[in-house]
Amino acid sequence: MAPKNTQTGRKDWQEVPRDPRPEDLGYDVADWEVVRARKDDRGHLMFLPENEDMLRDEAFIVADTGSVCDVIDRI
């Protein structure tokens, strides 16, 4: 049996715009730089925040190139 607040949660989601702004979802928009770990277009990509203070807080991502896609290509 579903919890009592399931209907409330569903109603909240139904009221969210189809294309919400990231800030409305609780995201902080930040600029990131993409760096290839190898010059031959293989290997890993590093995503580094342009704000150096974030980097000091260990805000970075290392990902295999096969795990990354351009969102524009997915639309």
PDB file of N, CA and C in Angstrom:
ATOM      1  N   MET A   1       0.833  -1.183   0.000  1.00  0.00           N
ATOM      2  CA  MET A   1       0.000   0.000   0.000  1.00  0.00           C
ATOM      3  C   MET A   1       0.884   1.255   0.000  1.00  0.00           C
ATOM      4  N   ALA A   2       0.541   2.216  -0.812  1.00  0.00           N
ATOM      5  CA  ALA A   2       1.321   3.456  -0.938  1.00  0.00           C
ATOM      6  C   ALA A   2       1.112   4.341   0.282  1.00  0.00           C
ATOM      7  N   PRO A   3       2.159   5.113   0.660  1.00  0.00           N
ATOM      8  CA  PRO A   3       1.998   6.044   1.783  1.00  0.00           C
ATOM      9  C   PRO A   3       0.946   7.102   1.481  1.00  0.00           C
ATOM     10  N   LYS A   4       0.396   7.690   2.539  1.00  0.00           N
ATOM     11  CA  LYS A   4      -0.678   8.689   2.389  1.00  0.00           C
ATOM     12  C   LYS A   4      -0.229   9.916   1.614  1.00  0.00           C
ATOM     13  N   ASN A   5       1.063  10.265   1.707  1.00  0.00           N
ATOM     14  CA  ASN A   5       1.518  11.483   1.030  1.00  0.00           C
ATOM     15  C   ASN A   5       1.859  11.253  -0.439  1.00  0.00           C
ATOM     16  N   THR A   6       1.603  10.058  -0.964  1.00  0.00           N
ATOM     17  CA  THR A   6       1.882   9.778  -2.374  1.00  0.00           C
ATOM     18  C   THR A   6       1.068  10.687  -3.284  1.00  0.00           C
ATOM     19  N   GLN A   7      -0.183  10.886  -2.952  1.00  0.00           N
ATOM     20  CA  GLN A   7      -1.037  11.743  -3.777  1.00  0.00           C
ATOM     21  C   GLN A   7      -0.539  13.181  -3.772  1.00  0.00           C
ATOM     22  N   THR A   8      -0.079  13.656  -2.620  1.00  0.00           N
ATOM     23  CA  THR A   8       0.458  15.015  -2.531  1.00  0.00           C
ATOM     24  C   THR A   8       1.697  15.146  -3.402  1.00  0.00           C
ATOM     25  N   GLY A   9       2.609  14.174  -3.340  1.00  0.00           N
ATOM     26  CA  GLY A   9       3.813  14.191  -4.162  1.00  0.00           C
ATOM     27  C   GLY A   9       3.484  14.170  -5.644  1.00  0.00           C
ATOM     28  N   ARG A  10       2.528  13.342  -6.033  1.00  0.00           N
ATOM     29  CA  ARG A  10       2.118  13.260  -7.440  1.00  0.00           C
ATOM     30  C   ARG A  10       1.535  14.591  -7.898  1.00  0.00           C
ATOM     31  N   LYS A  11       0.723  15.215  -7.045  1.00  0.00           N
ATOM     32  CA  LYS A  11       0.121  16.513  -7.389  1.00  0.00           C
ATOM     33  C   LYS A  11       1.211  17.574  -7.555  1.00  0.00           C
ATOM     34  N   ASP A  12       2.214  17.548  -6.650  1.00  0.00           N
ATOM     35  CA  ASP A  12       3.319  18.505  -6.759  1.00  0.00           C
ATOM     36  C   ASP A  12       4.029  18.359  -8.097  1.00  0.00           C
ATOM     37  N   TRP A  13       4.293  17.109  -8.514  1.00  0.00           N
ATOM     38  CA  TRP A  13       4.977  16.887  -9.788  1.00  0.00           C
ATOM     39  C   TRP A  13       4.122  17.330 -10.968  1.00  0.00           C
ATOM     40  N   GLN A  14       2.820  17.143 -10.878  1.00  0.00           N
ATOM     41  CA  GLN A  14       1.938  17.542 -11.974  1.00  0.00           C
ATOM     42  C   GLN A  14       1.897  19.058 -12.137  1.00  0.00           C
ATOM     43  N   GLU A  15       2.194  19.791 -11.059  1.00  0.00           N
ATOM     44  CA  GLU A  15       2.164  21.248 -11.113  1.00  0.00           C
ATOM     45  C   GLU A  15       3.484  21.857 -11.579  1.00  0.00           C
ATOM     46  N   VAL A  16       4.529  21.045 -11.700  1.00  0.00           N
ATOM     47  CA  VAL A  16       5.830  21.546 -12.149  1.00  0.00           C
ATOM     48  C   VAL A  16       5.755  21.800 -13.658  1.00  0.00           C
ATOM     49  N   PRO A  17       6.276  22.927 -14.142  1.00  0.00           N
ATOM     50  CA  PRO A  17       6.264  23.188 -15.584  1.00  0.00           C
ATOM     51  C   PRO A  17       7.018  22.095 -16.343  1.00  0.00           C
ATOM     52  N   ARG A  18       6.659  21.881 -17.589  1.00  0.00           N
ATOM     53  CA  ARG A  18       7.311  20.847 -18.407  1.00  0.00           C
ATOM     54  C   ARG A  18       8.797  21.131 -18.599  1.00  0.00           C
ATOM     55  N   ASP A  19       9.167  22.383 -18.618  1.00  0.00           N
ATOM     56  CA  ASP A  19      10.568  22.767 -18.786  1.00  0.00           C
ATOM     57  C   ASP A  19      10.957  23.724 -17.651  1.00  0.00           C
ATOM     58  N   PRO A  20      11.125  23.193 -16.427  1.00  0.00           N
ATOM     59  CA  PRO A  20      11.408  24.076 -15.293  1.00  0.00           C
ATOM     60  C   PRO A  20      12.810  24.645 -15.365  1.00  0.00           C
ATOM     61  N   ARG A  21      12.997  25.781 -14.735  1.00  0.00           N
ATOM     62  CA  ARG A  21      14.332  26.367 -14.628  1.00  0.00           C
ATOM     63  C   ARG A  21      15.130  25.561 -13.608  1.00  0.00           C
ATOM     64  N   PRO A  22      16.417  25.356 -13.819  1.00  0.00           N
ATOM     65  CA  PRO A  22      17.225  24.585 -12.863  1.00  0.00           C
ATOM     66  C   PRO A  22      17.144  25.139 -11.444  1.00  0.00           C
ATOM     67  N   GLU A  23      17.062  26.455 -11.314  1.00  0.00           N
ATOM     68  CA  GLU A  23      16.982  27.065  -9.994  1.00  0.00           C
ATOM     69  C   GLU A  23      15.702  26.643  -9.273  1.00  0.00           C
ATOM     70  N   ASP A  24      14.610  26.425 -10.031  1.00  0.00           N
ATOM     71  CA  ASP A  24      13.350  26.007  -9.428  1.00  0.00           C
ATOM     72  C   ASP A  24      13.426  24.582  -8.896  1.00  0.00           C
ATOM     73  N   LEU A  25      14.383  23.804  -9.379  1.00  0.00           N
ATOM     74  CA  LEU A  25      14.567  22.428  -8.921  1.00  0.00           C
ATOM     75  C   LEU A  25      15.631  22.322  -7.833  1.00  0.00           C
ATOM     76  N   GLY A  26      16.167  23.470  -7.418  1.00  0.00           N
ATOM     77  CA  GLY A  26      17.153  23.472  -6.353  1.00  0.00           C
ATOM     78  C   GLY A  26      18.589  23.386  -6.827  1.00  0.00           C
ATOM     79  N   TYR A  27      18.820  23.485  -8.137  1.00  0.00           N
ATOM     80  CA  TYR A  27      20.175  23.428  -8.678  1.00  0.00           C
ATOM     81  C   TYR A  27      20.809  24.812  -8.682  1.00  0.00           C
ATOM     82  N   ASP A  28      22.093  24.861  -8.434  1.00  0.00           N
ATOM     83  CA  ASP A  28      22.865  26.083  -8.594  1.00  0.00           C
ATOM     84  C   ASP A  28      23.607  25.975  -9.917  1.00  0.00           C
ATOM     85  N   VAL A  29      23.368  26.898 -10.828  1.00  0.00           N
ATOM     86  CA  VAL A  29      24.004  26.871 -12.133  1.00  0.00           C
ATOM     87  C   VAL A  29      25.451  27.347 -11.992  1.00  0.00           C
ATOM     88  N   ALA A  30      26.384  26.584 -12.554  1.00  0.00           N
ATOM     89  CA  ALA A  30      27.802  26.933 -12.485  1.00  0.00           C
ATOM     90  C   ALA A  30      28.453  26.614 -13.829  1.00  0.00           C
ATOM     91  N   ASP A  31      29.486  27.352 -14.158  1.00  0.00           N
ATOM     92  CA  ASP A  31      30.241  27.101 -15.380  1.00  0.00           C
ATOM     93  C   ASP A  31      31.330  26.077 -15.096  1.00  0.00           C
ATOM     94  N   TRP A  32      31.448  25.081 -15.984  1.00  0.00           N
ATOM     95  CA  TRP A  32      32.450  24.026 -15.837  1.00  0.00           C
ATOM     96  C   TRP A  32      33.280  23.949 -17.112  1.00  0.00           C
ATOM     97  N   GLU A  33      34.528  23.593 -16.965  1.00  0.00           N
ATOM     98  CA  GLU A  33      35.438  23.407 -18.094  1.00  0.00           C
ATOM     99  C   GLU A  33      35.642  21.911 -18.299  1.00  0.00           C
ATOM    100  N   VAL A  34      35.642  21.471 -19.557  1.00  0.00           N
ATOM    101  CA  VAL A  34      35.867  20.060 -19.875  1.00  0.00           C
ATOM    102  C   VAL A  34      37.301  19.899 -20.388  1.00  0.00           C
ATOM    103  N   VAL A  35      38.035  18.985 -19.778  1.00  0.00           N
ATOM    104  CA  VAL A  35      39.427  18.740 -20.144  1.00  0.00           C
ATOM    105  C   VAL A  35      39.583  17.266 -20.474  1.00  0.00           C
ATOM    106  N   ARG A  36      40.193  16.972 -21.632  1.00  0.00           N
ATOM    107  CA  ARG A  36      40.474  15.578 -21.992  1.00  0.00           C
ATOM    108  C   ARG A  36      41.758  15.137 -21.327  1.00  0.00           C
ATOM    109  N   ALA A  37      41.740  13.925 -20.774  1.00  0.00           N
ATOM    110  CA  ALA A  37      42.924  13.399 -20.099  1.00  0.00           C
ATOM    111  C   ALA A  37      43.977  12.930 -21.096  1.00  0.00           C
ATOM    112  N   ARG A  38      43.556  12.663 -22.339  1.00  0.00           N
ATOM    113  CA  ARG A  38      44.493  12.253 -23.392  1.00  0.00           C
ATOM    114  C   ARG A  38      44.239  13.082 -24.635  1.00  0.00           C
ATOM    115  N   LYS A  39      45.234  13.225 -25.454  1.00  0.00           N
ATOM    116  CA  LYS A  39      45.116  14.057 -26.658  1.00  0.00           C
ATOM    117  C   LYS A  39      44.457  13.327 -27.829  1.00  0.00           C
ATOM    118  N   ASP A  40      44.319  11.990 -27.765  1.00  0.00           N
ATOM    119  CA  ASP A  40      43.817  11.237 -28.916  1.00  0.00           C
ATOM    120  C   ASP A  40      42.303  11.001 -28.885  1.00  0.00           C
ATOM    121  N   ASP A  41      41.554  11.835 -28.166  1.00  0.00           N
ATOM    122  CA  ASP A  41      40.094  11.751 -28.065  1.00  0.00           C
ATOM    123  C   ASP A  41      39.606  10.471 -27.396  1.00  0.00           C
ATOM    124  N   ARG A  42      40.471   9.792 -26.676  1.00  0.00           N
ATOM    125  CA  ARG A  42      40.087   8.599 -25.926  1.00  0.00           C
ATOM    126  C   ARG A  42      40.396   8.845 -24.456  1.00  0.00           C
ATOM    127  N   GLY A  43      40.026   7.925 -23.628  1.00  0.00           N
ATOM    128  CA  GLY A  43      40.331   8.063 -22.217  1.00  0.00           C
ATOM    129  C   GLY A  43      39.231   8.773 -21.463  1.00  0.00           C
ATOM    130  N   HIS A  44      39.599   9.483 -20.449  1.00  0.00           N
ATOM    131  CA  HIS A  44      38.635  10.115 -19.567  1.00  0.00           C
ATOM    132  C   HIS A  44      38.520  11.616 -19.821  1.00  0.00           C
ATOM    133  N   LEU A  45      37.369  12.136 -19.429  1.00  0.00           N
ATOM    134  CA  LEU A  45      37.138  13.577 -19.444  1.00  0.00           C
ATOM    135  C   LEU A  45      37.107  14.054 -18.002  1.00  0.00           C
ATOM    136  N   MET A  46      37.641  15.221 -17.767  1.00  0.00           N
ATOM    137  CA  MET A  46      37.565  15.832 -16.445  1.00  0.00           C
ATOM    138  C   MET A  46      36.705  17.081 -16.563  1.00  0.00           C
ATOM    139  N   PHE A  47      35.752  17.206 -15.677  1.00  0.00           N
ATOM    140  CA  PHE A  47      34.897  18.380 -15.615  1.00  0.00           C
ATOM    141  C   PHE A  47      35.323  19.168 -14.388  1.00  0.00           C
ATOM    142  N   LEU A  48      35.831  20.354 -14.622  1.00  0.00           N
ATOM    143  CA  LEU A  48      36.371  21.183 -13.543  1.00  0.00           C
ATOM    144  C   LEU A  48      35.569  22.478 -13.436  1.00  0.00           C
ATOM    145  N   PRO A  49      35.167  22.856 -12.231  1.00  0.00           N
ATOM    146  CA  PRO A  49      34.428  24.107 -12.079  1.00  0.00           C
ATOM    147  C   PRO A  49      35.347  25.295 -12.336  1.00  0.00           C
ATOM    148  N   GLU A  50      34.809  26.317 -12.966  1.00  0.00           N
ATOM    149  CA  GLU A  50      35.605  27.512 -13.217  1.00  0.00           C
ATOM    150  C   GLU A  50      35.853  28.288 -11.936  1.00  0.00           C
ATOM    151  N   ASN A  51      34.988  28.123 -10.950  1.00  0.00           N
ATOM    152  CA  ASN A  51      35.173  28.766  -9.656  1.00  0.00           C
ATOM    153  C   ASN A  51      36.197  27.949  -8.865  1.00  0.00           C
ATOM    154  N   GLU A  52      37.369  28.505  -8.660  1.00  0.00           N
ATOM    155  CA  GLU A  52      38.471  27.780  -8.015  1.00  0.00           C
ATOM    156  C   GLU A  52      38.124  27.345  -6.592  1.00  0.00           C
ATOM    157  N   ASP A  53      37.286  28.105  -5.909  1.00  0.00           N
ATOM    158  CA  ASP A  53      36.882  27.715  -4.555  1.00  0.00           C
ATOM    159  C   ASP A  53      36.121  26.395  -4.565  1.00  0.00           C
ATOM    160  N   MET A  54      35.315  26.156  -5.593  1.00  0.00           N
ATOM    161  CA  MET A  54      34.593  24.888  -5.702  1.00  0.00           C
ATOM    162  C   MET A  54      35.562  23.736  -5.901  1.00  0.00           C
ATOM    163  N   LEU A  55      36.611  23.959  -6.673  1.00  0.00           N
ATOM    164  CA  LEU A  55      37.600  22.916  -6.915  1.00  0.00           C
ATOM    165  C   LEU A  55      38.302  22.540  -5.610  1.00  0.00           C
ATOM    166  N   ARG A  56      38.567  23.522  -4.805  1.00  0.00           N
ATOM    167  CA  ARG A  56      39.185  23.252  -3.502  1.00  0.00           C
ATOM    168  C   ARG A  56      38.259  22.429  -2.611  1.00  0.00           C
ATOM    169  N   ASP A  57      36.959  22.553  -2.838  1.00  0.00           N
ATOM    170  CA  ASP A  57      35.980  21.765  -2.079  1.00  0.00           C
ATOM    171  C   ASP A  57      35.757  20.396  -2.713  1.00  0.00           C
ATOM    172  N   GLU A  58      36.657  19.991  -3.619  1.00  0.00           N
ATOM    173  CA  GLU A  58      36.610  18.693  -4.303  1.00  0.00           C
ATOM    174  C   GLU A  58      35.405  18.562  -5.222  1.00  0.00           C
ATOM    175  N   ALA A  59      35.020  19.657  -5.863  1.00  0.00           N
ATOM    176  CA  ALA A  59      33.920  19.625  -6.826  1.00  0.00           C
ATOM    177  C   ALA A  59      34.496  19.408  -8.212  1.00  0.00           C
ATOM    178  N   PHE A  60      34.582  18.148  -8.628  1.00  0.00           N
ATOM    179  CA  PHE A  60      35.033  17.821  -9.971  1.00  0.00           C
ATOM    180  C   PHE A  60      34.464  16.458 -10.343  1.00  0.00           C
ATOM    181  N   ILE A  61      34.484  16.138 -11.622  1.00  0.00           N
ATOM    182  CA  ILE A  61      33.970  14.870 -12.129  1.00  0.00           C
ATOM    183  C   ILE A  61      34.991  14.303 -13.093  1.00  0.00           C
ATOM    184  N   VAL A  62      35.251  12.998 -13.001  1.00  0.00           N
ATOM    185  CA  VAL A  62      36.058  12.284 -13.981  1.00  0.00           C
ATOM    186  C   VAL A  62      35.153  11.220 -14.575  1.00  0.00           C
ATOM    187  N   ALA A  63      35.023  11.199 -15.899  1.00  0.00           N
ATOM    188  CA  ALA A  63      34.103  10.271 -16.556  1.00  0.00           C
ATOM    189  C   ALA A  63      34.732   9.684 -17.808  1.00  0.00           C
ATOM    190  N   ASP A  64      34.381   8.446 -18.101  1.00  0.00           N
ATOM    191  CA  ASP A  64      34.794   7.802 -19.338  1.00  0.00           C
ATOM    192  C   ASP A  64      34.050   8.478 -20.490  1.00  0.00           C
ATOM    193  N   THR A  65      34.700   8.641 -21.623  1.00  0.00           N
ATOM    194  CA  THR A  65      34.066   9.338 -22.753  1.00  0.00           C
ATOM    195  C   THR A  65      32.779   8.654 -23.202  1.00  0.00           C
ATOM    196  N   GLY A  66      32.670   7.333 -23.039  1.00  0.00           N
ATOM    197  CA  GLY A  66      31.454   6.626 -23.430  1.00  0.00           C
ATOM    198  C   GLY A  66      30.268   6.928 -22.529  1.00  0.00           C
ATOM    199  N   SER A  67      30.517   7.506 -21.381  1.00  0.00           N
ATOM    200  CA  SER A  67      29.459   7.834 -20.423  1.00  0.00           C
ATOM    201  C   SER A  67      28.943   9.256 -20.585  1.00  0.00           C
ATOM    202  N   VAL A  68      29.524  10.011 -21.512  1.00  0.00           N
ATOM    203  CA  VAL A  68      29.196  11.417 -21.675  1.00  0.00           C
ATOM    204  C   VAL A  68      28.604  11.652 -23.052  1.00  0.00           C
ATOM    205  N   CYS A  69      27.539  12.439 -23.107  1.00  0.00           N
ATOM    206  CA  CYS A  69      26.941  12.806 -24.392  1.00  0.00           C
ATOM    207  C   CYS A  69      26.565  14.273 -24.349  1.00  0.00           C
ATOM    208  N   ASP A  70      26.410  14.848 -25.502  1.00  0.00           N
ATOM    209  CA  ASP A  70      25.951  16.225 -25.615  1.00  0.00           C
ATOM    210  C   ASP A  70      24.420  16.194 -25.527  1.00  0.00           C
ATOM    211  N   VAL A  71      23.854  16.942 -24.609  1.00  0.00           N
ATOM    212  CA  VAL A  71      22.401  16.932 -24.413  1.00  0.00           C
ATOM    213  C   VAL A  71      21.687  17.335 -25.698  1.00  0.00           C
ATOM    214  N   ILE A  72      22.243  18.233 -26.463  1.00  0.00           N
ATOM    215  CA  ILE A  72      21.617  18.653 -27.724  1.00  0.00           C
ATOM    216  C   ILE A  72      21.418  17.461 -28.663  1.00  0.00           C
ATOM    217  N   ASP A  73      22.345  16.502 -28.643  1.00  0.00           N
ATOM    218  CA  ASP A  73      22.227  15.316 -29.498  1.00  0.00           C
ATOM    219  C   ASP A  73      21.096  14.397 -29.051  1.00  0.00           C
ATOM    220  N   ARG A  74      20.647  14.520 -27.815  1.00  0.00           N
ATOM    221  CA  ARG A  74      19.624  13.638 -27.255  1.00  0.00           C
ATOM    222  C   ARG A  74      18.216  14.180 -27.401  1.00  0.00           C
ATOM    223  N   ILE A  75      18.068  15.384 -27.885  1.00  0.00           N
ATOM    224  CA  ILE A  75      16.726  15.998 -28.005  1.00  0.00           C
ATOM    225  C   ILE A  75      16.047  15.481 -29.251  1.00  0.00           C
TER     226      ILE A  75
END
